[in-house]
All heavy atoms as atom14 arrays in JSON, in Angstrom:
{
  "sequence": "PRSLRSTPVDLTEAPDVAHFVGRVTALATLTQWISGTPATVSPCRLI",
  "atom14_mask": [
    [1, 1, 1, 1, 1, 1, 1, 0, 0, 0, 0, 0, 0, 0],
    [1, 1, 1, 1, 1, 1, 1, 1, 1, 1, 1, 0, 0, 0],
    [1, 1, 1, 1, 1, 1, 0, 0, 0, 0, 0, 0, 0, 0],
    [1, 1, 1, 1, 1, 1, 1, 1, 0, 0, 0, 0, 0, 0],
    [1, 1, 1, 1, 1, 1, 1, 1, 1, 1, 1, 0, 0, 0],
    [1, 1, 1, 1, 1, 1, 0, 0, 0, 0, 0, 0, 0, 0],
    [1, 1, 1, 1, 1, 1, 1, 0, 0, 0, 0, 0, 0, 0],
    [1, 1, 1, 1, 1, 1, 1, 0, 0, 0, 0, 0, 0, 0],
    [1, 1, 1, 1, 1, 1, 1, 0, 0, 0, 0, 0, 0, 0],
    [1, 1, 1, 1, 1, 1, 1, 1, 0, 0, 0, 0, 0, 0],
    [1, 1, 1, 1, 1, 1, 1, 1, 0, 0, 0, 0, 0, 0],
    [1, 1, 1, 1, 1, 1, 1, 0, 0, 0, 0, 0, 0, 0],
    [1, 1, 1, 1, 1, 1, 1, 1, 1, 0, 0, 0, 0, 0],
    [1, 1, 1, 1, 1, 0, 0, 0, 0, 0, 0, 0, 0, 0],
    [1, 1, 1, 1, 1, 1, 1, 0, 0, 0, 0, 0, 0, 0],
    [1, 1, 1, 1, 1, 1, 1, 1, 0, 0, 0, 0, 0, 0],
    [1, 1, 1, 1, 1, 1, 1, 0, 0, 0, 0, 0, 0, 0],
    [1, 1, 1, 1, 1, 0, 0, 0, 0, 0, 0, 0, 0, 0],
    [1, 1, 1, 1, 1, 1, 1, 1, 1, 1, 0, 0, 0, 0],
    [1, 1, 1, 1, 1, 1, 1, 1, 1, 1, 1, 0, 0, 0],
    [1, 1, 1, 1, 1, 1, 1, 0, 0, 0, 0, 0, 0, 0],
    [1, 1, 1, 1, 0, 0, 0, 0, 0, 0, 0, 0, 0, 0],
    [1, 1, 1, 1, 1, 1, 1, 1, 1, 1, 1, 0, 0, 0],
    [1, 1, 1, 1, 1, 1, 1, 0, 0, 0, 0, 0, 0, 0],
    [1, 1, 1, 1, 1, 1, 1, 0, 0, 0, 0, 0, 0, 0],
    [1, 1, 1, 1, 1, 0, 0, 0, 0, 0, 0, 0, 0, 0],
    [1, 1, 1, 1, 1, 1, 1, 1, 0, 0, 0, 0, 0, 0],
    [1, 1, 1, 1, 1, 0, 0, 0, 0, 0, 0, 0, 0, 0],
    [1, 1, 1, 1, 1, 1, 1, 0, 0, 0, 0, 0, 0, 0],
    [1, 1, 1, 1, 1, 1, 1, 1, 0, 0, 0, 0, 0, 0],
    [1, 1, 1, 1, 1, 1, 1, 0, 0, 0, 0, 0, 0, 0],
    [1, 1, 1, 1, 1, 1, 1, 1, 1, 0, 0, 0, 0, 0],
    [1, 1, 1, 1, 1, 1, 1, 1, 1, 1, 1, 1, 1, 1],
    [1, 1, 1, 1, 1, 1, 1, 1, 0, 0, 0, 0, 0, 0],
    [1, 1, 1, 1, 1, 1, 0, 0, 0, 0, 0, 0, 0, 0],
    [1, 1, 1, 1, 0, 0, 0, 0, 0, 0, 0, 0, 0, 0],
    [1, 1, 1, 1, 1, 1, 1, 0, 0, 0, 0, 0, 0, 0],
    [1, 1, 1, 1, 1, 1, 1, 0, 0, 0, 0, 0, 0, 0],
    [1, 1, 1, 1, 1, 0, 0, 0, 0, 0, 0, 0, 0, 0],
    [1, 1, 1, 1, 1, 1, 1, 0, 0, 0, 0, 0, 0, 0],
    [1, 1, 1, 1, 1, 1, 1, 0, 0, 0, 0, 0, 0, 0],
    [1, 1, 1, 1, 1, 1, 0, 0, 0, 0, 0, 0, 0, 0],
    [1, 1, 1, 1, 1, 1, 1, 0, 0, 0, 0, 0, 0, 0],
    [1, 1, 1, 1, 1, 1, 0, 0, 0, 0, 0, 0, 0, 0],
    [1, 1, 1, 1, 1, 1, 1, 1, 1, 1, 1, 0, 0, 0],
    [1, 1, 1, 1, 1, 1, 1, 1, 0, 0, 0, 0, 0, 0],
    [1, 1, 1, 1, 1, 1, 1, 1, 0, 0, 0, 0, 0, 0]
  ],
  "atom14_positions": [
    [[82.74, 105.62, 122.21], [84.04, 105.31, 121.62], [83.94, 105.17, 120.11], [83.01, 104.59, 119.6], [84.44, 103.98, 122.27], [83.4, 103.66, 123.26], [82.29, 104.63, 123.14], [0.0, 0.0, 0.0], [0.0, 0.0, 0.0], [0.0, 0.0, 0.0], [0.0, 0.0, 0.0], [0.0, 0.0, 0.0], [0.0, 0.0, 0.0], [0.0, 0.0, 0.0]],
    [[84.92, 105.71, 119.45], [84.95, 105.62, 118.0], [86.04, 104.67, 117.58], [87.06, 104.54, 118.23], [85.26, 106.99, 117.38], [84.18, 108.0, 117.6], [84.48, 109.29, 116.86], [85.77, 109.81, 117.28], [86.56, 110.55, 116.51], [86.2, 110.86, 115.3], [87.71, 110.99, 116.95], [0.0, 0.0, 0.0], [0.0, 0.0, 0.0], [0.0, 0.0, 0.0]],
    [[85.83, 104.04, 116.47], [86.85, 103.18, 115.91], [87.98, 104.07, 115.41], [87.75, 105.15, 114.87], [86.26, 102.37, 114.75], [87.28, 101.69, 114.08], [0.0, 0.0, 0.0], [0.0, 0.0, 0.0], [0.0, 0.0, 0.0], [0.0, 0.0, 0.0], [0.0, 0.0, 0.0], [0.0, 0.0, 0.0], [0.0, 0.0, 0.0], [0.0, 0.0, 0.0]],
    [[89.21, 103.62, 115.58], [90.34, 104.42, 115.12], [90.41, 104.46, 113.6], [90.88, 105.41, 113.01], [91.64, 103.86, 115.7], [91.77, 103.98, 117.22], [93.07, 103.34, 117.68], [91.72, 105.43, 117.64], [0.0, 0.0, 0.0], [0.0, 0.0, 0.0], [0.0, 0.0, 0.0], [0.0, 0.0, 0.0], [0.0, 0.0, 0.0], [0.0, 0.0, 0.0]],
    [[89.96, 103.39, 112.97], [89.95, 103.33, 111.52], [88.56, 102.95, 111.05], [87.94, 102.06, 111.61], [90.95, 102.32, 111.0], [92.38, 102.68, 111.28], [93.28, 101.63, 110.64], [94.65, 101.92, 110.92], [95.45, 102.59, 110.08], [95.0, 103.0, 108.93], [96.69, 102.83, 110.4], [0.0, 0.0, 0.0], [0.0, 0.0, 0.0], [0.0, 0.0, 0.0]],
    [[88.11, 103.59, 110.01], [86.78, 103.27, 109.5], [86.84, 102.13, 108.49], [85.83, 101.51, 108.2], [86.14, 104.5, 108.88], [86.97, 105.01, 107.86], [0.0, 0.0, 0.0], [0.0, 0.0, 0.0], [0.0, 0.0, 0.0], [0.0, 0.0, 0.0], [0.0, 0.0, 0.0], [0.0, 0.0, 0.0], [0.0, 0.0, 0.0], [0.0, 0.0, 0.0]],
    [[88.02, 101.86, 107.94], [88.14, 100.77, 106.98], [89.05, 99.68, 107.55], [89.98, 99.97, 108.3], [88.76, 101.27, 105.65], [90.02, 101.87, 105.93], [87.85, 102.3, 104.99], [0.0, 0.0, 0.0], [0.0, 0.0, 0.0], [0.0, 0.0, 0.0], [0.0, 0.0, 0.0], [0.0, 0.0, 0.0], [0.0, 0.0, 0.0], [0.0, 0.0, 0.0]],
    [[88.78, 98.42, 107.21], [89.63, 97.33, 107.71], [91.06, 97.47, 107.19], [91.3, 98.0, 106.11], [88.97, 96.06, 107.16], [87.66, 96.48, 106.59], [87.69, 97.95, 106.38], [0.0, 0.0, 0.0], [0.0, 0.0, 0.0], [0.0, 0.0, 0.0], [0.0, 0.0, 0.0], [0.0, 0.0, 0.0], [0.0, 0.0, 0.0], [0.0, 0.0, 0.0]],
    [[92.0, 96.97, 107.98], [93.41, 97.0, 107.61], [93.84, 95.6, 107.2], [93.58, 94.63, 107.93], [94.27, 97.51, 108.79], [95.73, 97.49, 108.43], [93.83, 98.9, 109.2], [0.0, 0.0, 0.0], [0.0, 0.0, 0.0], [0.0, 0.0, 0.0], [0.0, 0.0, 0.0], [0.0, 0.0, 0.0], [0.0, 0.0, 0.0], [0.0, 0.0, 0.0]],
    [[94.49, 95.48, 106.05], [94.97, 94.19, 105.57], [96.3, 93.88, 106.24], [97.29, 94.56, 106.0], [95.11, 94.22, 104.05], [95.61, 92.9, 103.49], [95.58, 91.88, 104.23], [96.02, 92.88, 102.31], [0.0, 0.0, 0.0], [0.0, 0.0, 0.0], [0.0, 0.0, 0.0], [0.0, 0.0, 0.0], [0.0, 0.0, 0.0], [0.0, 0.0, 0.0]],
    [[96.32, 92.85, 107.1], [97.54, 92.48, 107.82], [98.15, 91.18, 107.28], [99.0, 90.59, 107.94], [97.24, 92.33, 109.31], [96.81, 93.62, 110.01], [96.43, 93.33, 111.46], [97.88, 94.67, 109.95], [0.0, 0.0, 0.0], [0.0, 0.0, 0.0], [0.0, 0.0, 0.0], [0.0, 0.0, 0.0], [0.0, 0.0, 0.0], [0.0, 0.0, 0.0]],
    [[97.78, 90.78, 106.08], [98.31, 89.52, 105.55], [99.81, 89.59, 105.29], [100.49, 88.58, 105.33], [97.59, 89.12, 104.24], [97.69, 90.19, 103.3], [96.13, 88.79, 104.51], [0.0, 0.0, 0.0], [0.0, 0.0, 0.0], [0.0, 0.0, 0.0], [0.0, 0.0, 0.0], [0.0, 0.0, 0.0], [0.0, 0.0, 0.0], [0.0, 0.0, 0.0]],
    [[100.32, 90.78, 105.06], [101.75, 90.93, 104.81], [102.53, 91.31, 106.07], [103.73, 91.54, 106.02], [101.97, 92.01, 103.74], [101.19, 91.77, 102.48], [102.09, 91.37, 101.33], [103.29, 91.59, 101.42], [101.54, 90.84, 100.36], [0.0, 0.0, 0.0], [0.0, 0.0, 0.0], [0.0, 0.0, 0.0], [0.0, 0.0, 0.0], [0.0, 0.0, 0.0]],
    [[101.87, 91.38, 107.2], [102.54, 91.74, 108.45], [103.5, 90.62, 108.86], [103.22, 89.44, 108.63], [101.52, 91.97, 109.54], [0.0, 0.0, 0.0], [0.0, 0.0, 0.0], [0.0, 0.0, 0.0], [0.0, 0.0, 0.0], [0.0, 0.0, 0.0], [0.0, 0.0, 0.0], [0.0, 0.0, 0.0], [0.0, 0.0, 0.0], [0.0, 0.0, 0.0]],
    [[104.64, 90.95, 109.46], [105.6, 89.92, 109.86], [105.02, 89.01, 110.95], [104.21, 89.44, 111.77], [106.79, 90.71, 110.39], [106.37, 92.12, 110.48], [105.09, 92.29, 109.74], [0.0, 0.0, 0.0], [0.0, 0.0, 0.0], [0.0, 0.0, 0.0], [0.0, 0.0, 0.0], [0.0, 0.0, 0.0], [0.0, 0.0, 0.0], [0.0, 0.0, 0.0]],
    [[105.47, 87.76, 110.94], [105.07, 86.81, 111.97], [105.88, 87.11, 113.23], [107.1, 87.05, 113.22], [105.34, 85.39, 111.5], [104.96, 84.35, 112.55], [104.23, 84.71, 113.49], [105.4, 83.19, 112.42], [0.0, 0.0, 0.0], [0.0, 0.0, 0.0], [0.0, 0.0, 0.0], [0.0, 0.0, 0.0], [0.0, 0.0, 0.0], [0.0, 0.0, 0.0]],
    [[105.19, 87.44, 114.31], [105.87, 87.79, 115.55], [105.5, 86.82, 116.67], [105.39, 87.2, 117.83], [105.58, 89.24, 115.98], [106.22, 90.23, 115.03], [104.09, 89.49, 116.09], [0.0, 0.0, 0.0], [0.0, 0.0, 0.0], [0.0, 0.0, 0.0], [0.0, 0.0, 0.0], [0.0, 0.0, 0.0], [0.0, 0.0, 0.0], [0.0, 0.0, 0.0]],
    [[105.3, 85.58, 116.31], [104.92, 84.58, 117.31], [106.05, 84.33, 118.29], [105.81, 83.98, 119.44], [104.5, 83.29, 116.63], [0.0, 0.0, 0.0], [0.0, 0.0, 0.0], [0.0, 0.0, 0.0], [0.0, 0.0, 0.0], [0.0, 0.0, 0.0], [0.0, 0.0, 0.0], [0.0, 0.0, 0.0], [0.0, 0.0, 0.0], [0.0, 0.0, 0.0]],
    [[107.3, 84.48, 117.85], [108.44, 84.2, 118.73], [109.35, 85.41, 118.79], [109.73, 85.97, 117.77], [109.25, 83.0, 118.2], [108.43, 81.75, 118.05], [107.66, 81.24, 119.04], [108.29, 80.92, 117.0], [107.06, 80.15, 118.64], [107.41, 79.93, 117.37], [0.0, 0.0, 0.0], [0.0, 0.0, 0.0], [0.0, 0.0, 0.0], [0.0, 0.0, 0.0]],
    [[109.65, 85.83, 120.02], [110.62, 86.89, 120.23], [111.97, 86.24, 120.47], [112.07, 85.31, 121.28], [110.24, 87.74, 121.44], [109.17, 88.76, 121.17], [107.84, 88.38, 121.1], [109.49, 90.08, 120.98], [106.86, 89.32, 120.85], [108.51, 91.03, 120.74], [107.19, 90.65, 120.67], [0.0, 0.0, 0.0], [0.0, 0.0, 0.0], [0.0, 0.0, 0.0]],
    [[113.0, 86.72, 119.81], [114.32, 86.15, 119.96], [115.2, 87.12, 120.73], [115.38, 88.27, 120.33], [114.95, 85.86, 118.57], [116.35, 85.31, 118.72], [114.07, 84.93, 117.77], [0.0, 0.0, 0.0], [0.0, 0.0, 0.0], [0.0, 0.0, 0.0], [0.0, 0.0, 0.0], [0.0, 0.0, 0.0], [0.0, 0.0, 0.0], [0.0, 0.0, 0.0]],
    [[115.73, 86.66, 121.88], [116.65, 87.48, 122.66], [116.01, 88.65, 123.36], [116.68, 89.59, 123.74], [0.0, 0.0, 0.0], [0.0, 0.0, 0.0], [0.0, 0.0, 0.0], [0.0, 0.0, 0.0], [0.0, 0.0, 0.0], [0.0, 0.0, 0.0], [0.0, 0.0, 0.0], [0.0, 0.0, 0.0], [0.0, 0.0, 0.0], [0.0, 0.0, 0.0]],
    [[114.73, 88.64, 123.52], [114.02, 89.76, 124.14], [113.15, 89.29, 125.3], [112.06, 89.8, 125.52], [113.13, 90.47, 123.12], [113.85, 90.96, 121.9], [114.43, 92.3, 122.17], [115.0, 92.82, 120.92], [115.82, 93.81, 120.88], [116.16, 94.4, 121.99], [116.3, 94.23, 119.75], [0.0, 0.0, 0.0], [0.0, 0.0, 0.0], [0.0, 0.0, 0.0]],
    [[113.59, 88.29, 126.04], [112.79, 87.71, 127.11], [112.46, 88.75, 128.18], [111.31, 88.9, 128.6], [113.51, 86.49, 127.73], [112.74, 85.94, 128.91], [113.73, 85.42, 126.68], [0.0, 0.0, 0.0], [0.0, 0.0, 0.0], [0.0, 0.0, 0.0], [0.0, 0.0, 0.0], [0.0, 0.0, 0.0], [0.0, 0.0, 0.0], [0.0, 0.0, 0.0]],
    [[113.46, 89.5, 128.61], [113.24, 90.52, 129.65], [112.33, 91.62, 129.15], [111.4, 92.04, 129.84], [114.59, 91.12, 130.11], [115.43, 90.06, 130.52], [114.4, 92.09, 131.26], [0.0, 0.0, 0.0], [0.0, 0.0, 0.0], [0.0, 0.0, 0.0], [0.0, 0.0, 0.0], [0.0, 0.0, 0.0], [0.0, 0.0, 0.0], [0.0, 0.0, 0.0]],
    [[112.58, 92.08, 127.92], [111.76, 93.14, 127.35], [110.32, 92.67, 127.17], [109.37, 93.41, 127.44], [112.33, 93.61, 126.02], [0.0, 0.0, 0.0], [0.0, 0.0, 0.0], [0.0, 0.0, 0.0], [0.0, 0.0, 0.0], [0.0, 0.0, 0.0], [0.0, 0.0, 0.0], [0.0, 0.0, 0.0], [0.0, 0.0, 0.0], [0.0, 0.0, 0.0]],
    [[110.12, 91.45, 126.73], [108.78, 90.9, 126.55], [108.06, 90.78, 127.89], [106.88, 91.09, 128.0], [108.83, 89.55, 125.84], [107.49, 88.9, 125.55], [106.61, 89.8, 124.72], [107.69, 87.56, 124.86], [0.0, 0.0, 0.0], [0.0, 0.0, 0.0], [0.0, 0.0, 0.0], [0.0, 0.0, 0.0], [0.0, 0.0, 0.0], [0.0, 0.0, 0.0]],
    [[108.78, 90.35, 128.93], [108.18, 90.22, 130.27], [107.75, 91.6, 130.79], [106.65, 91.74, 131.35], [109.16, 89.57, 131.23], [0.0, 0.0, 0.0], [0.0, 0.0, 0.0], [0.0, 0.0, 0.0], [0.0, 0.0, 0.0], [0.0, 0.0, 0.0], [0.0, 0.0, 0.0], [0.0, 0.0, 0.0], [0.0, 0.0, 0.0], [0.0, 0.0, 0.0]],
    [[108.59, 92.61, 130.59], [108.25, 93.97, 131.02], [107.03, 94.47, 130.26], [106.1, 95.03, 130.86], [109.44, 94.92, 130.78], [110.56, 94.44, 131.52], [109.11, 96.33, 131.21], [0.0, 0.0, 0.0], [0.0, 0.0, 0.0], [0.0, 0.0, 0.0], [0.0, 0.0, 0.0], [0.0, 0.0, 0.0], [0.0, 0.0, 0.0], [0.0, 0.0, 0.0]],
    [[107.01, 94.26, 128.96], [105.89, 94.68, 128.13], [104.6, 93.99, 128.57], [103.54, 94.62, 128.69], [106.18, 94.39, 126.66], [105.19, 94.89, 125.63], [105.04, 96.4, 125.72], [105.63, 94.49, 124.24], [0.0, 0.0, 0.0], [0.0, 0.0, 0.0], [0.0, 0.0, 0.0], [0.0, 0.0, 0.0], [0.0, 0.0, 0.0], [0.0, 0.0, 0.0]],
    [[104.68, 92.7, 128.87], [103.51, 91.94, 129.34], [103.0, 92.52, 130.66], [101.78, 92.66, 130.85], [103.88, 90.46, 129.51], [104.36, 89.96, 128.26], [102.69, 89.64, 129.96], [0.0, 0.0, 0.0], [0.0, 0.0, 0.0], [0.0, 0.0, 0.0], [0.0, 0.0, 0.0], [0.0, 0.0, 0.0], [0.0, 0.0, 0.0], [0.0, 0.0, 0.0]],
    [[103.9, 92.87, 131.58], [103.49, 93.48, 132.85], [102.8, 94.82, 132.62], [101.79, 95.13, 133.24], [104.69, 93.68, 133.77], [105.2, 92.41, 134.39], [106.42, 92.67, 135.27], [106.98, 93.76, 135.27], [106.82, 91.65, 136.01], [0.0, 0.0, 0.0], [0.0, 0.0, 0.0], [0.0, 0.0, 0.0], [0.0, 0.0, 0.0], [0.0, 0.0, 0.0]],
    [[103.35, 95.62, 131.72], [102.76, 96.93, 131.45], [101.35, 96.78, 130.9], [100.45, 97.53, 131.27], [103.6, 97.71, 130.45], [104.9, 98.22, 130.99], [105.32, 98.24, 132.28], [105.95, 98.79, 130.22], [106.58, 98.79, 132.37], [106.99, 99.14, 131.12], [106.14, 99.05, 128.88], [108.16, 99.72, 130.71], [107.31, 99.62, 128.46], [108.31, 99.97, 129.36]],
    [[101.16, 95.85, 129.99], [99.85, 95.68, 129.35], [98.84, 95.09, 130.32], [97.7, 95.55, 130.42], [99.98, 94.79, 128.09], [100.79, 95.53, 127.02], [98.6, 94.41, 127.56], [101.18, 94.67, 125.84], [0.0, 0.0, 0.0], [0.0, 0.0, 0.0], [0.0, 0.0, 0.0], [0.0, 0.0, 0.0], [0.0, 0.0, 0.0], [0.0, 0.0, 0.0]],
    [[99.24, 94.06, 131.06], [98.28, 93.37, 131.92], [98.12, 94.01, 133.29], [97.14, 93.76, 133.98], [98.71, 91.92, 132.1], [99.93, 91.85, 132.82], [0.0, 0.0, 0.0], [0.0, 0.0, 0.0], [0.0, 0.0, 0.0], [0.0, 0.0, 0.0], [0.0, 0.0, 0.0], [0.0, 0.0, 0.0], [0.0, 0.0, 0.0], [0.0, 0.0, 0.0]],
    [[99.08, 94.8, 133.7], [99.0, 95.44, 135.02], [99.4, 94.5, 136.14], [99.02, 94.7, 137.28], [0.0, 0.0, 0.0], [0.0, 0.0, 0.0], [0.0, 0.0, 0.0], [0.0, 0.0, 0.0], [0.0, 0.0, 0.0], [0.0, 0.0, 0.0], [0.0, 0.0, 0.0], [0.0, 0.0, 0.0], [0.0, 0.0, 0.0], [0.0, 0.0, 0.0]],
    [[100.17, 93.47, 135.84], [100.67, 92.58, 136.9], [102.15, 92.84, 137.06], [102.83, 93.13, 136.09], [100.46, 91.09, 136.54], [101.06, 90.82, 135.28], [99.0, 90.73, 136.51], [0.0, 0.0, 0.0], [0.0, 0.0, 0.0], [0.0, 0.0, 0.0], [0.0, 0.0, 0.0], [0.0, 0.0, 0.0], [0.0, 0.0, 0.0], [0.0, 0.0, 0.0]],
    [[102.71, 92.78, 138.22], [102.08, 92.51, 139.51], [101.13, 93.64, 139.89], [101.05, 94.65, 139.22], [103.27, 92.43, 140.47], [104.34, 93.25, 139.84], [104.14, 93.09, 138.35], [0.0, 0.0, 0.0], [0.0, 0.0, 0.0], [0.0, 0.0, 0.0], [0.0, 0.0, 0.0], [0.0, 0.0, 0.0], [0.0, 0.0, 0.0], [0.0, 0.0, 0.0]],
    [[100.45, 93.46, 141.0], [99.39, 94.38, 141.42], [99.88, 95.82, 141.59], [99.09, 96.75, 141.56], [98.76, 93.89, 142.72], [0.0, 0.0, 0.0], [0.0, 0.0, 0.0], [0.0, 0.0, 0.0], [0.0, 0.0, 0.0], [0.0, 0.0, 0.0], [0.0, 0.0, 0.0], [0.0, 0.0, 0.0], [0.0, 0.0, 0.0], [0.0, 0.0, 0.0]],
    [[101.18, 96.02, 141.76], [101.7, 97.38, 141.96], [101.82, 98.14, 140.65], [102.06, 99.34, 140.67], [103.09, 97.34, 142.63], [103.97, 96.56, 141.81], [102.99, 96.74, 144.02], [0.0, 0.0, 0.0], [0.0, 0.0, 0.0], [0.0, 0.0, 0.0], [0.0, 0.0, 0.0], [0.0, 0.0, 0.0], [0.0, 0.0, 0.0], [0.0, 0.0, 0.0]],
    [[101.67, 97.46, 139.52], [101.8, 98.1, 138.22], [100.42, 98.35, 137.65], [99.6, 97.43, 137.58], [102.62, 97.22, 137.26], [102.71, 97.85, 135.89], [103.99, 96.94, 137.81], [0.0, 0.0, 0.0], [0.0, 0.0, 0.0], [0.0, 0.0, 0.0], [0.0, 0.0, 0.0], [0.0, 0.0, 0.0], [0.0, 0.0, 0.0], [0.0, 0.0, 0.0]],
    [[100.11, 99.58, 137.25], [98.83, 99.88, 136.62], [98.9, 99.53, 135.15], [99.94, 99.75, 134.52], [98.5, 101.36, 136.75], [98.39, 101.72, 138.1], [0.0, 0.0, 0.0], [0.0, 0.0, 0.0], [0.0, 0.0, 0.0], [0.0, 0.0, 0.0], [0.0, 0.0, 0.0], [0.0, 0.0, 0.0], [0.0, 0.0, 0.0], [0.0, 0.0, 0.0]],
    [[97.82, 99.02, 134.57], [97.85, 98.73, 133.14], [98.06, 100.01, 132.34], [97.5, 101.05, 132.66], [96.46, 98.14, 132.86], [95.85, 97.86, 134.18], [96.57, 98.68, 135.2], [0.0, 0.0, 0.0], [0.0, 0.0, 0.0], [0.0, 0.0, 0.0], [0.0, 0.0, 0.0], [0.0, 0.0, 0.0], [0.0, 0.0, 0.0], [0.0, 0.0, 0.0]],
    [[98.89, 99.94, 131.33], [99.14, 101.1, 130.47], [98.07, 101.17, 129.4], [97.63, 100.15, 128.89], [100.51, 100.98, 129.8], [101.87, 101.11, 130.94], [0.0, 0.0, 0.0], [0.0, 0.0, 0.0], [0.0, 0.0, 0.0], [0.0, 0.0, 0.0], [0.0, 0.0, 0.0], [0.0, 0.0, 0.0], [0.0, 0.0, 0.0], [0.0, 0.0, 0.0]],
    [[97.67, 102.37, 129.07], [96.67, 102.54, 128.03], [97.32, 102.72, 126.67], [96.67, 102.55, 125.64], [95.8, 103.73, 128.36], [95.01, 103.48, 129.64], [94.11, 104.59, 129.97], [93.08, 104.69, 128.95], [92.11, 105.56, 128.98], [92.02, 106.4, 129.96], [91.22, 105.59, 128.03], [0.0, 0.0, 0.0], [0.0, 0.0, 0.0], [0.0, 0.0, 0.0]],
    [[98.58, 103.09, 126.65], [99.27, 103.3, 125.39], [100.74, 102.96, 125.57], [101.37, 103.41, 126.53], [99.15, 104.77, 124.94], [99.94, 105.16, 123.69], [99.36, 104.46, 122.47], [99.9, 106.66, 123.5], [0.0, 0.0, 0.0], [0.0, 0.0, 0.0], [0.0, 0.0, 0.0], [0.0, 0.0, 0.0], [0.0, 0.0, 0.0], [0.0, 0.0, 0.0]],
    [[101.26, 102.14, 124.69], [102.68, 101.8, 124.7], [103.19, 102.0, 123.29], [102.6, 101.5, 122.34], [102.9, 100.34, 125.15], [102.4, 100.15, 126.58], [104.37, 99.95, 125.01], [102.41, 98.71, 127.04], [0.0, 0.0, 0.0], [0.0, 0.0, 0.0], [0.0, 0.0, 0.0], [0.0, 0.0, 0.0], [0.0, 0.0, 0.0], [0.0, 0.0, 0.0]]
  ]
}
């Protein structure tokens, strides 16, 4: 496996996304896709 970037990326200016506002359903769906839960959902490799 190769690193996608050879140089570090500065994320100090990236927005704070600790809290999603009004996106509870979308966040739950995204969490299921990433983690592969429930058992009937396969984890996604790219979203």
